[in-house]
Amino acid sequence: MSKEKVKHLSAVLTSVFAHAGHISKEEAKEISGLADQEFEKNYNRAAEIVDNVMKHEGDKMDKFLEHFSEEIDRWIAETGGKLFA
């Protein structure tokens, strides 16, 4: 997995924290190290994840982990690899 793909995953994760109010959007962007346009794509993806998690009635952390693991799988699939071989 390339460094750039890890930056994108970092942007999604940090953006979840921003959407939850723990850090600012600007802080999430800074942590990700991505350019504005690339960050915005991931920030919007994080918004979708947060919306899905908040609609869930059960354990929200479990639901978040489910969605985030799907995001990781999606990015890794593009490289033809697996996180844990």
N, C-alpha and C. Protein backbone atom coordinates (compact mmCIF):
# COMPACT_ATOMS: atom_id res chain seq x y z
N MET A 1 0.86 -1.17 0.00
CA MET A 1 0.00 0.00 0.00
C MET A 1 0.90 1.23 0.00
N SER A 2 0.58 2.15 -0.85
CA SER A 2 1.42 3.33 -0.97
C SER A 2 1.16 4.33 0.16
N LYS A 3 2.14 5.17 0.36
CA LYS A 3 2.04 6.22 1.37
C LYS A 3 0.82 7.11 1.09
N GLU A 4 0.54 7.37 -0.17
CA GLU A 4 -0.59 8.22 -0.54
C GLU A 4 -1.93 7.60 -0.11
N LYS A 5 -2.07 6.30 -0.26
CA LYS A 5 -3.31 5.63 0.16
C LYS A 5 -3.47 5.70 1.67
N VAL A 6 -2.37 5.58 2.39
CA VAL A 6 -2.43 5.69 3.85
C VAL A 6 -2.84 7.12 4.24
N LYS A 7 -2.38 8.11 3.51
CA LYS A 7 -2.79 9.49 3.77
C LYS A 7 -4.30 9.64 3.59
N HIS A 8 -4.85 8.99 2.57
CA HIS A 8 -6.29 9.07 2.34
C HIS A 8 -7.06 8.42 3.48
N LEU A 9 -6.60 7.27 3.94
CA LEU A 9 -7.24 6.61 5.07
C LEU A 9 -7.12 7.46 6.33
N SER A 10 -5.97 8.09 6.50
CA SER A 10 -5.77 8.99 7.63
C SER A 10 -6.75 10.16 7.56
N ALA A 11 -6.97 10.65 6.37
CA ALA A 11 -7.92 11.76 6.19
C ALA A 11 -9.33 11.35 6.58
N VAL A 12 -9.72 10.14 6.21
CA VAL A 12 -11.05 9.65 6.58
C VAL A 12 -11.15 9.54 8.10
N LEU A 13 -10.14 8.92 8.71
CA LEU A 13 -10.18 8.74 10.16
C LEU A 13 -10.17 10.07 10.90
N THR A 14 -9.29 10.97 10.53
CA THR A 14 -9.24 12.27 11.22
C THR A 14 -10.51 13.07 10.97
N SER A 15 -11.09 12.90 9.79
CA SER A 15 -12.33 13.62 9.48
C SER A 15 -13.49 13.11 10.32
N VAL A 16 -13.48 11.83 10.64
CA VAL A 16 -14.51 11.30 11.55
C VAL A 16 -14.41 12.02 12.89
N PHE A 17 -13.18 12.22 13.39
CA PHE A 17 -13.00 12.95 14.63
C PHE A 17 -13.46 14.39 14.50
N ALA A 18 -13.26 14.98 13.34
CA ALA A 18 -13.72 16.36 13.11
C ALA A 18 -15.25 16.41 13.09
N HIS A 19 -15.88 15.48 12.40
CA HIS A 19 -17.35 15.45 12.35
C HIS A 19 -17.95 15.21 13.73
N ALA A 20 -17.22 14.50 14.58
CA ALA A 20 -17.70 14.23 15.94
C ALA A 20 -17.39 15.39 16.89
N GLY A 21 -16.67 16.40 16.41
CA GLY A 21 -16.41 17.58 17.22
C GLY A 21 -15.18 17.51 18.12
N HIS A 22 -14.34 16.51 17.91
CA HIS A 22 -13.16 16.35 18.76
C HIS A 22 -11.97 17.18 18.30
N ILE A 23 -11.90 17.42 16.98
CA ILE A 23 -10.87 18.30 16.40
C ILE A 23 -11.55 19.12 15.31
N SER A 24 -10.86 20.14 14.85
CA SER A 24 -11.44 20.96 13.78
C SER A 24 -11.17 20.33 12.41
N LYS A 25 -11.91 20.76 11.43
CA LYS A 25 -11.70 20.30 10.06
C LYS A 25 -10.28 20.65 9.61
N GLU A 26 -9.82 21.83 9.98
CA GLU A 26 -8.47 22.27 9.61
C GLU A 26 -7.41 21.36 10.24
N GLU A 27 -7.63 20.96 11.48
CA GLU A 27 -6.69 20.05 12.14
C GLU A 27 -6.68 18.69 11.44
N ALA A 28 -7.85 18.22 11.06
CA ALA A 28 -7.94 16.95 10.35
C ALA A 28 -7.18 17.01 9.03
N LYS A 29 -7.33 18.12 8.31
CA LYS A 29 -6.62 18.30 7.04
C LYS A 29 -5.12 18.33 7.27
N GLU A 30 -4.69 19.05 8.29
CA GLU A 30 -3.26 19.14 8.59
C GLU A 30 -2.68 17.76 8.90
N ILE A 31 -3.38 16.98 9.70
CA ILE A 31 -2.91 15.65 10.06
C ILE A 31 -2.81 14.76 8.82
N SER A 32 -3.76 14.88 7.92
CA SER A 32 -3.78 14.02 6.74
C SER A 32 -2.63 14.32 5.78
N GLY A 33 -2.25 15.58 5.69
CA GLY A 33 -1.18 15.96 4.77
C GLY A 33 -1.61 16.01 3.31
N LEU A 34 -2.92 15.99 3.06
CA LEU A 34 -3.42 16.01 1.68
C LEU A 34 -3.72 17.43 1.22
N ALA A 35 -3.72 17.61 -0.08
CA ALA A 35 -4.13 18.88 -0.68
C ALA A 35 -5.63 19.07 -0.48
N ASP A 36 -6.08 20.31 -0.61
CA ASP A 36 -7.47 20.66 -0.34
C ASP A 36 -8.49 19.75 -1.03
N GLN A 37 -8.37 19.59 -2.34
CA GLN A 37 -9.35 18.83 -3.10
C GLN A 37 -9.38 17.36 -2.68
N GLU A 38 -8.20 16.78 -2.49
CA GLU A 38 -8.14 15.38 -2.07
C GLU A 38 -8.68 15.21 -0.65
N PHE A 39 -8.38 16.17 0.21
CA PHE A 39 -8.90 16.10 1.57
C PHE A 39 -10.42 16.17 1.57
N GLU A 40 -10.99 17.08 0.79
CA GLU A 40 -12.44 17.25 0.75
C GLU A 40 -13.16 15.96 0.36
N LYS A 41 -12.60 15.21 -0.58
CA LYS A 41 -13.21 13.93 -0.97
C LYS A 41 -13.30 12.99 0.23
N ASN A 42 -12.22 12.94 0.99
CA ASN A 42 -12.18 12.06 2.15
C ASN A 42 -13.02 12.60 3.30
N TYR A 43 -13.06 13.90 3.44
CA TYR A 43 -13.89 14.54 4.47
C TYR A 43 -15.37 14.21 4.20
N ASN A 44 -15.76 14.26 2.95
CA ASN A 44 -17.14 13.93 2.58
C ASN A 44 -17.42 12.44 2.79
N ARG A 45 -16.44 11.60 2.51
CA ARG A 45 -16.60 10.16 2.75
C ARG A 45 -16.78 9.90 4.24
N ALA A 46 -16.03 10.61 5.06
CA ALA A 46 -16.16 10.46 6.51
C ALA A 46 -17.55 10.90 6.97
N ALA A 47 -18.09 11.93 6.33
CA ALA A 47 -19.45 12.39 6.69
C ALA A 47 -20.46 11.28 6.45
N GLU A 48 -20.30 10.54 5.36
CA GLU A 48 -21.20 9.42 5.07
C GLU A 48 -21.08 8.34 6.15
N ILE A 49 -19.85 8.06 6.54
CA ILE A 49 -19.62 7.04 7.57
C ILE A 49 -20.27 7.48 8.88
N VAL A 50 -20.05 8.73 9.28
CA VAL A 50 -20.62 9.24 10.53
C VAL A 50 -22.15 9.19 10.47
N ASP A 51 -22.73 9.59 9.34
CA ASP A 51 -24.19 9.53 9.20
C ASP A 51 -24.70 8.11 9.40
N ASN A 52 -24.03 7.14 8.78
CA ASN A 52 -24.45 5.75 8.93
C ASN A 52 -24.31 5.26 10.36
N VAL A 53 -23.24 5.65 11.00
CA VAL A 53 -23.02 5.24 12.39
C VAL A 53 -24.08 5.84 13.30
N MET A 54 -24.39 7.10 13.11
CA MET A 54 -25.35 7.78 13.98
C MET A 54 -26.77 7.23 13.82
N LYS A 55 -27.08 6.66 12.68
CA LYS A 55 -28.39 6.06 12.45
C LYS A 55 -28.52 4.70 13.13
N HIS A 56 -27.40 4.12 13.47
CA HIS A 56 -27.37 2.79 14.06
C HIS A 56 -27.86 2.83 15.51
N GLU A 57 -28.70 1.90 15.88
CA GLU A 57 -29.28 1.86 17.21
C GLU A 57 -28.41 1.17 18.26
N GLY A 58 -27.53 0.28 17.82
CA GLY A 58 -26.72 -0.48 18.77
C GLY A 58 -25.42 0.24 19.12
N ASP A 59 -24.38 -0.54 19.32
CA ASP A 59 -23.06 -0.01 19.67
C ASP A 59 -22.49 0.75 18.48
N LYS A 60 -22.37 2.05 18.64
CA LYS A 60 -21.91 2.90 17.55
C LYS A 60 -20.44 2.65 17.21
N MET A 61 -19.63 2.31 18.19
CA MET A 61 -18.22 2.04 17.91
C MET A 61 -18.09 0.80 17.03
N ASP A 62 -18.86 -0.23 17.33
CA ASP A 62 -18.83 -1.43 16.49
C ASP A 62 -19.22 -1.09 15.06
N LYS A 63 -20.24 -0.26 14.91
CA LYS A 63 -20.69 0.13 13.57
C LYS A 63 -19.63 0.97 12.87
N PHE A 64 -18.98 1.87 13.61
CA PHE A 64 -17.90 2.67 13.02
C PHE A 64 -16.78 1.76 12.53
N LEU A 65 -16.36 0.83 13.38
CA LEU A 65 -15.28 -0.08 13.00
C LEU A 65 -15.65 -0.90 11.77
N GLU A 66 -16.90 -1.30 11.68
CA GLU A 66 -17.37 -2.02 10.50
C GLU A 66 -17.21 -1.17 9.25
N HIS A 67 -17.67 0.07 9.32
CA HIS A 67 -17.59 0.97 8.16
C HIS A 67 -16.15 1.33 7.83
N PHE A 68 -15.34 1.59 8.85
CA PHE A 68 -13.96 1.97 8.59
C PHE A 68 -13.17 0.79 8.03
N SER A 69 -13.46 -0.42 8.48
CA SER A 69 -12.77 -1.58 7.93
C SER A 69 -13.14 -1.78 6.46
N GLU A 70 -14.39 -1.47 6.11
CA GLU A 70 -14.79 -1.53 4.70
C GLU A 70 -14.02 -0.50 3.88
N GLU A 71 -13.80 0.65 4.46
CA GLU A 71 -13.04 1.70 3.78
C GLU A 71 -11.59 1.24 3.57
N ILE A 72 -11.01 0.63 4.57
CA ILE A 72 -9.64 0.12 4.45
C ILE A 72 -9.60 -0.97 3.37
N ASP A 73 -10.54 -1.88 3.40
CA ASP A 73 -10.59 -2.94 2.39
C ASP A 73 -10.70 -2.37 0.98
N ARG A 74 -11.50 -1.32 0.84
CA ARG A 74 -11.68 -0.69 -0.48
C ARG A 74 -10.36 -0.13 -0.99
N TRP A 75 -9.64 0.59 -0.14
CA TRP A 75 -8.37 1.18 -0.56
C TRP A 75 -7.34 0.10 -0.85
N ILE A 76 -7.28 -0.93 -0.03
CA ILE A 76 -6.29 -1.98 -0.23
C ILE A 76 -6.61 -2.79 -1.49
N ALA A 77 -7.88 -3.01 -1.76
CA ALA A 77 -8.27 -3.77 -2.95
C ALA A 77 -7.73 -3.11 -4.23
N GLU A 78 -7.61 -1.80 -4.22
CA GLU A 78 -7.09 -1.09 -5.39
C GLU A 78 -5.64 -1.43 -5.66
N THR A 79 -4.92 -1.87 -4.64
CA THR A 79 -3.51 -2.23 -4.81
C THR A 79 -3.36 -3.74 -5.03
N GLY A 80 -4.47 -4.46 -4.92
CA GLY A 80 -4.42 -5.90 -5.12
C GLY A 80 -3.86 -6.65 -3.94
N GLY A 81 -3.81 -5.98 -2.79
CA GLY A 81 -3.21 -6.61 -1.62
C GLY A 81 -4.19 -6.82 -0.49
N LYS A 82 -3.63 -7.21 0.65
CA LYS A 82 -4.39 -7.40 1.87
C LYS A 82 -3.62 -6.75 2.99
N LEU A 83 -4.31 -6.21 3.97
CA LEU A 83 -3.64 -5.61 5.10
C LEU A 83 -2.93 -6.67 5.94
N PHE A 84 -3.65 -7.74 6.21
CA PHE A 84 -3.08 -8.85 6.98
C PHE A 84 -3.08 -10.07 6.07
N ALA A 85 -1.90 -10.41 5.58
CA ALA A 85 -1.79 -11.51 4.62
C ALA A 85 -1.84 -12.85 5.32
